[in-house]
Amino acid sequence: VQDIQQSYNRGLSYALSSSVTGILLFLLNGFVNFPLVAQDATVHMLASATVGYTVLLHTQLFGVFPALAFLPLFVCVVVAHFVVTSVHVKQKAVHTVTPRGGPK
């Protein structure tokens, strides 16, 4: 008896990621065809909303408990640390040279 569940899950995830990528590229293509003024205004509105809601979230967290305002920053720093460390380890593994004849 062969378990096909793993291959089904991989196929489904590939199909979903491919579909989402196609939709995002279609939307990006439409955005690139906008006039430059509309592109600039859209990017500016999105950036302002992102910064504004981030400040609002931190203000509300500070009102609940002051240490909570720094929790998102702490989580981002920890994630960034592990990403940088994993990239460094992968690069180090790629550049490791073993002597001829293999390790002894």
N, C-alpha and C. Protein backbone atom coordinates (compact mmCIF):
# COMPACT_ATOMS: atom_id res chain seq x y z
N VAL A 1 0.86 -1.18 0.00
CA VAL A 1 0.00 0.00 0.00
C VAL A 1 0.90 1.23 0.00
N GLN A 2 0.60 2.13 -0.92
CA GLN A 2 1.43 3.32 -1.06
C GLN A 2 0.64 4.54 -0.60
N ASP A 3 1.27 5.36 0.23
CA ASP A 3 0.63 6.57 0.74
C ASP A 3 0.86 7.71 -0.25
N ILE A 4 -0.22 8.18 -0.84
CA ILE A 4 -0.10 9.27 -1.82
C ILE A 4 -0.45 10.62 -1.23
N GLN A 5 -0.67 10.67 0.07
CA GLN A 5 -1.07 11.91 0.74
C GLN A 5 0.01 12.99 0.59
N GLN A 6 1.28 12.60 0.72
CA GLN A 6 2.36 13.59 0.62
C GLN A 6 2.42 14.22 -0.77
N SER A 7 2.33 13.41 -1.80
CA SER A 7 2.39 13.97 -3.15
C SER A 7 1.17 14.82 -3.45
N TYR A 8 0.03 14.46 -2.89
CA TYR A 8 -1.19 15.25 -3.08
C TYR A 8 -1.03 16.62 -2.43
N ASN A 9 -0.48 16.65 -1.22
CA ASN A 9 -0.30 17.93 -0.52
C ASN A 9 0.68 18.82 -1.28
N ARG A 10 1.74 18.25 -1.81
CA ARG A 10 2.71 19.04 -2.57
C ARG A 10 2.09 19.57 -3.85
N GLY A 11 1.32 18.74 -4.51
CA GLY A 11 0.67 19.18 -5.75
C GLY A 11 -0.34 20.28 -5.50
N LEU A 12 -1.08 20.16 -4.42
CA LEU A 12 -2.07 21.18 -4.07
C LEU A 12 -1.38 22.49 -3.71
N SER A 13 -0.30 22.42 -2.94
CA SER A 13 0.39 23.66 -2.56
C SER A 13 1.02 24.31 -3.79
N TYR A 14 1.53 23.50 -4.73
CA TYR A 14 2.09 24.06 -5.95
C TYR A 14 1.00 24.73 -6.79
N ALA A 15 -0.15 24.09 -6.88
CA ALA A 15 -1.25 24.66 -7.66
C ALA A 15 -1.73 25.97 -7.04
N LEU A 16 -1.84 26.00 -5.71
CA LEU A 16 -2.30 27.22 -5.04
C LEU A 16 -1.27 28.34 -5.19
N SER A 17 0.00 28.03 -4.98
CA SER A 17 1.02 29.07 -5.10
C SER A 17 1.13 29.58 -6.54
N SER A 18 0.98 28.69 -7.49
CA SER A 18 1.02 29.09 -8.90
C SER A 18 -0.16 29.99 -9.24
N SER A 19 -1.33 29.65 -8.73
CA SER A 19 -2.51 30.48 -8.99
C SER A 19 -2.38 31.86 -8.35
N VAL A 20 -1.92 31.90 -7.11
CA VAL A 20 -1.76 33.19 -6.43
C VAL A 20 -0.71 34.03 -7.14
N THR A 21 0.38 33.41 -7.57
CA THR A 21 1.42 34.14 -8.29
C THR A 21 0.88 34.71 -9.59
N GLY A 22 0.10 33.93 -10.32
CA GLY A 22 -0.49 34.42 -11.57
C GLY A 22 -1.41 35.60 -11.35
N ILE A 23 -2.23 35.54 -10.30
CA ILE A 23 -3.14 36.64 -9.99
C ILE A 23 -2.35 37.89 -9.60
N LEU A 24 -1.31 37.71 -8.76
CA LEU A 24 -0.51 38.86 -8.34
C LEU A 24 0.22 39.51 -9.52
N LEU A 25 0.73 38.69 -10.42
CA LEU A 25 1.41 39.25 -11.60
C LEU A 25 0.42 39.99 -12.51
N PHE A 26 -0.79 39.48 -12.63
CA PHE A 26 -1.82 40.16 -13.42
C PHE A 26 -2.13 41.53 -12.80
N LEU A 27 -2.29 41.56 -11.47
CA LEU A 27 -2.57 42.84 -10.80
C LEU A 27 -1.39 43.80 -10.89
N LEU A 28 -0.18 43.27 -10.76
CA LEU A 28 1.01 44.11 -10.87
C LEU A 28 1.15 44.68 -12.27
N ASN A 29 0.83 43.89 -13.28
CA ASN A 29 0.87 44.37 -14.65
C ASN A 29 -0.12 45.51 -14.85
N GLY A 30 -1.31 45.38 -14.29
CA GLY A 30 -2.29 46.45 -14.38
C GLY A 30 -1.83 47.70 -13.66
N PHE A 31 -1.17 47.51 -12.50
CA PHE A 31 -0.67 48.65 -11.74
C PHE A 31 0.43 49.38 -12.49
N VAL A 32 1.31 48.64 -13.15
CA VAL A 32 2.42 49.25 -13.89
C VAL A 32 1.89 50.07 -15.07
N ASN A 33 0.74 49.71 -15.61
CA ASN A 33 0.18 50.44 -16.74
C ASN A 33 -0.57 51.70 -16.31
N PHE A 34 -0.72 51.92 -15.00
CA PHE A 34 -1.33 53.17 -14.53
C PHE A 34 -0.40 54.34 -14.85
N PRO A 35 -0.95 55.56 -14.92
CA PRO A 35 -0.07 56.73 -15.04
C PRO A 35 0.81 56.86 -13.79
N LEU A 36 1.96 57.49 -13.96
CA LEU A 36 2.91 57.60 -12.85
C LEU A 36 2.32 58.32 -11.64
N VAL A 37 1.47 59.31 -11.88
CA VAL A 37 0.86 60.04 -10.76
C VAL A 37 -0.02 59.11 -9.94
N ALA A 38 -0.79 58.25 -10.61
CA ALA A 38 -1.65 57.31 -9.90
C ALA A 38 -0.82 56.27 -9.15
N GLN A 39 0.28 55.82 -9.74
CA GLN A 39 1.16 54.88 -9.05
C GLN A 39 1.74 55.50 -7.79
N ASP A 40 2.22 56.74 -7.92
CA ASP A 40 2.81 57.44 -6.79
C ASP A 40 1.78 57.64 -5.68
N ALA A 41 0.58 58.04 -6.06
CA ALA A 41 -0.47 58.26 -5.05
C ALA A 41 -0.85 56.97 -4.35
N THR A 42 -0.94 55.88 -5.10
CA THR A 42 -1.30 54.59 -4.50
C THR A 42 -0.23 54.11 -3.53
N VAL A 43 1.03 54.18 -3.94
CA VAL A 43 2.12 53.76 -3.07
C VAL A 43 2.17 54.63 -1.82
N HIS A 44 1.97 55.93 -1.98
CA HIS A 44 1.99 56.84 -0.85
C HIS A 44 0.85 56.53 0.12
N MET A 45 -0.35 56.26 -0.40
CA MET A 45 -1.48 55.92 0.48
C MET A 45 -1.23 54.62 1.23
N LEU A 46 -0.70 53.62 0.54
CA LEU A 46 -0.42 52.35 1.21
C LEU A 46 0.65 52.50 2.28
N ALA A 47 1.69 53.27 1.97
CA ALA A 47 2.76 53.47 2.96
C ALA A 47 2.25 54.25 4.16
N SER A 48 1.46 55.28 3.93
CA SER A 48 0.91 56.07 5.04
C SER A 48 -0.02 55.23 5.90
N ALA A 49 -0.86 54.40 5.27
CA ALA A 49 -1.77 53.55 6.03
C ALA A 49 -1.00 52.53 6.85
N THR A 50 0.05 51.95 6.26
CA THR A 50 0.85 50.96 6.99
C THR A 50 1.51 51.57 8.21
N VAL A 51 2.15 52.71 8.02
CA VAL A 51 2.82 53.38 9.15
C VAL A 51 1.80 53.84 10.17
N GLY A 52 0.69 54.40 9.73
CA GLY A 52 -0.33 54.89 10.65
C GLY A 52 -0.93 53.80 11.50
N TYR A 53 -1.30 52.68 10.88
CA TYR A 53 -1.89 51.60 11.65
C TYR A 53 -0.87 50.90 12.54
N THR A 54 0.40 50.91 12.14
CA THR A 54 1.44 50.36 13.00
C THR A 54 1.60 51.21 14.25
N VAL A 55 1.61 52.52 14.09
CA VAL A 55 1.70 53.42 15.24
C VAL A 55 0.46 53.27 16.13
N LEU A 56 -0.71 53.16 15.52
CA LEU A 56 -1.94 52.96 16.29
C LEU A 56 -1.89 51.66 17.09
N LEU A 57 -1.41 50.59 16.47
CA LEU A 57 -1.28 49.31 17.18
C LEU A 57 -0.34 49.43 18.36
N HIS A 58 0.81 50.06 18.16
CA HIS A 58 1.77 50.21 19.26
C HIS A 58 1.20 51.09 20.37
N THR A 59 0.46 52.12 20.01
CA THR A 59 -0.15 52.99 21.03
C THR A 59 -1.16 52.20 21.85
N GLN A 60 -1.98 51.39 21.20
CA GLN A 60 -2.96 50.60 21.92
C GLN A 60 -2.29 49.54 22.79
N LEU A 61 -1.25 48.91 22.29
CA LEU A 61 -0.52 47.93 23.10
C LEU A 61 0.14 48.60 24.29
N PHE A 62 0.66 49.81 24.11
CA PHE A 62 1.28 50.53 25.22
C PHE A 62 0.24 50.87 26.28
N GLY A 63 -1.00 51.17 25.84
CA GLY A 63 -2.06 51.46 26.79
C GLY A 63 -2.46 50.25 27.60
N VAL A 64 -2.40 49.06 27.01
CA VAL A 64 -2.74 47.84 27.73
C VAL A 64 -1.64 47.51 28.73
N PHE A 65 -0.42 47.44 28.26
CA PHE A 65 0.74 47.15 29.12
C PHE A 65 1.97 47.64 28.37
N PRO A 66 2.75 48.53 28.96
CA PRO A 66 3.85 49.17 28.23
C PRO A 66 4.84 48.19 27.58
N ALA A 67 5.09 47.06 28.22
CA ALA A 67 6.05 46.12 27.64
C ALA A 67 5.51 45.49 26.34
N LEU A 68 4.20 45.43 26.19
CA LEU A 68 3.62 44.84 24.98
C LEU A 68 3.93 45.66 23.73
N ALA A 69 4.18 46.94 23.88
CA ALA A 69 4.48 47.79 22.73
C ALA A 69 5.78 47.37 22.05
N PHE A 70 6.66 46.73 22.81
CA PHE A 70 7.94 46.31 22.25
C PHE A 70 7.94 44.86 21.81
N LEU A 71 6.85 44.13 22.05
CA LEU A 71 6.77 42.73 21.66
C LEU A 71 6.89 42.52 20.15
N PRO A 72 6.17 43.28 19.29
CA PRO A 72 6.34 43.08 17.84
C PRO A 72 7.78 43.34 17.37
N LEU A 73 8.42 44.35 17.93
CA LEU A 73 9.81 44.63 17.58
C LEU A 73 10.71 43.47 17.98
N PHE A 74 10.49 42.94 19.17
CA PHE A 74 11.29 41.81 19.66
C PHE A 74 11.11 40.59 18.76
N VAL A 75 9.88 40.30 18.36
CA VAL A 75 9.61 39.16 17.48
C VAL A 75 10.31 39.36 16.13
N CYS A 76 10.25 40.57 15.57
CA CYS A 76 10.92 40.85 14.29
C CYS A 76 12.43 40.69 14.40
N VAL A 77 13.01 41.13 15.50
CA VAL A 77 14.46 41.00 15.70
C VAL A 77 14.85 39.53 15.81
N VAL A 78 14.08 38.74 16.55
CA VAL A 78 14.39 37.32 16.70
C VAL A 78 14.28 36.60 15.34
N VAL A 79 13.23 36.88 14.58
CA VAL A 79 13.06 36.25 13.27
C VAL A 79 14.20 36.66 12.34
N ALA A 80 14.56 37.94 12.33
CA ALA A 80 15.65 38.42 11.49
C ALA A 80 16.97 37.74 11.88
N HIS A 81 17.19 37.56 13.18
CA HIS A 81 18.41 36.89 13.65
C HIS A 81 18.50 35.48 13.08
N PHE A 82 17.40 34.73 13.17
CA PHE A 82 17.44 33.35 12.69
C PHE A 82 17.54 33.27 11.18
N VAL A 83 16.94 34.20 10.47
CA VAL A 83 17.06 34.22 9.00
C VAL A 83 18.50 34.50 8.61
N VAL A 84 19.11 35.50 9.21
CA VAL A 84 20.50 35.85 8.89
C VAL A 84 21.43 34.71 9.27
N THR A 85 21.19 34.09 10.43
CA THR A 85 22.04 32.98 10.86
C THR A 85 21.92 31.79 9.92
N SER A 86 20.70 31.48 9.49
CA SER A 86 20.54 30.33 8.59
C SER A 86 21.19 30.59 7.23
N VAL A 87 21.10 31.82 6.74
CA VAL A 87 21.75 32.16 5.47
C VAL A 87 23.27 32.05 5.62
N HIS A 88 23.79 32.52 6.76
CA HIS A 88 25.23 32.45 7.00
C HIS A 88 25.70 31.00 7.07
N VAL A 89 24.92 30.14 7.74
CA VAL A 89 25.29 28.73 7.85
C VAL A 89 25.25 28.07 6.48
N LYS A 90 24.24 28.39 5.66
CA LYS A 90 24.16 27.81 4.32
C LYS A 90 25.34 28.26 3.46
N GLN A 91 25.71 29.54 3.55
CA GLN A 91 26.84 30.04 2.76
C GLN A 91 28.14 29.40 3.22
N LYS A 92 28.26 29.20 4.53
CA LYS A 92 29.47 28.59 5.06
C LYS A 92 29.57 27.14 4.60
N ALA A 93 28.43 26.44 4.54
CA ALA A 93 28.44 25.05 4.09
C ALA A 93 28.79 24.96 2.62
N VAL A 94 28.37 25.92 1.83
CA VAL A 94 28.68 25.91 0.40
C VAL A 94 30.17 26.15 0.17
N HIS A 95 30.78 27.00 0.98
CA HIS A 95 32.17 27.37 0.79
C HIS A 95 33.15 26.45 1.53
N THR A 96 32.64 25.46 2.24
CA THR A 96 33.53 24.54 2.95
C THR A 96 34.16 23.59 1.95
N VAL A 97 35.47 23.50 2.01
CA VAL A 97 36.20 22.63 1.09
C VAL A 97 36.82 21.50 1.91
N THR A 98 36.58 20.28 1.47
CA THR A 98 37.20 19.14 2.16
C THR A 98 38.47 18.78 1.41
N PRO A 99 39.48 18.31 2.13
CA PRO A 99 40.73 17.93 1.47
C PRO A 99 40.51 16.72 0.57
N ARG A 100 41.41 16.57 -0.38
CA ARG A 100 41.30 15.46 -1.33
C ARG A 100 41.42 14.14 -0.56
N GLY A 101 40.49 13.27 -0.85
CA GLY A 101 40.47 11.99 -0.14
C GLY A 101 39.45 12.00 0.97
N GLY A 102 38.83 13.14 1.23
CA GLY A 102 37.77 13.21 2.23
C GLY A 102 38.30 13.47 3.62
N PRO A 103 37.41 13.68 4.56
CA PRO A 103 37.83 13.95 5.94
C PRO A 103 38.41 12.71 6.59
N LYS A 104 39.35 12.92 7.50
CA LYS A 104 39.99 11.79 8.19
C LYS A 104 39.61 11.77 9.64
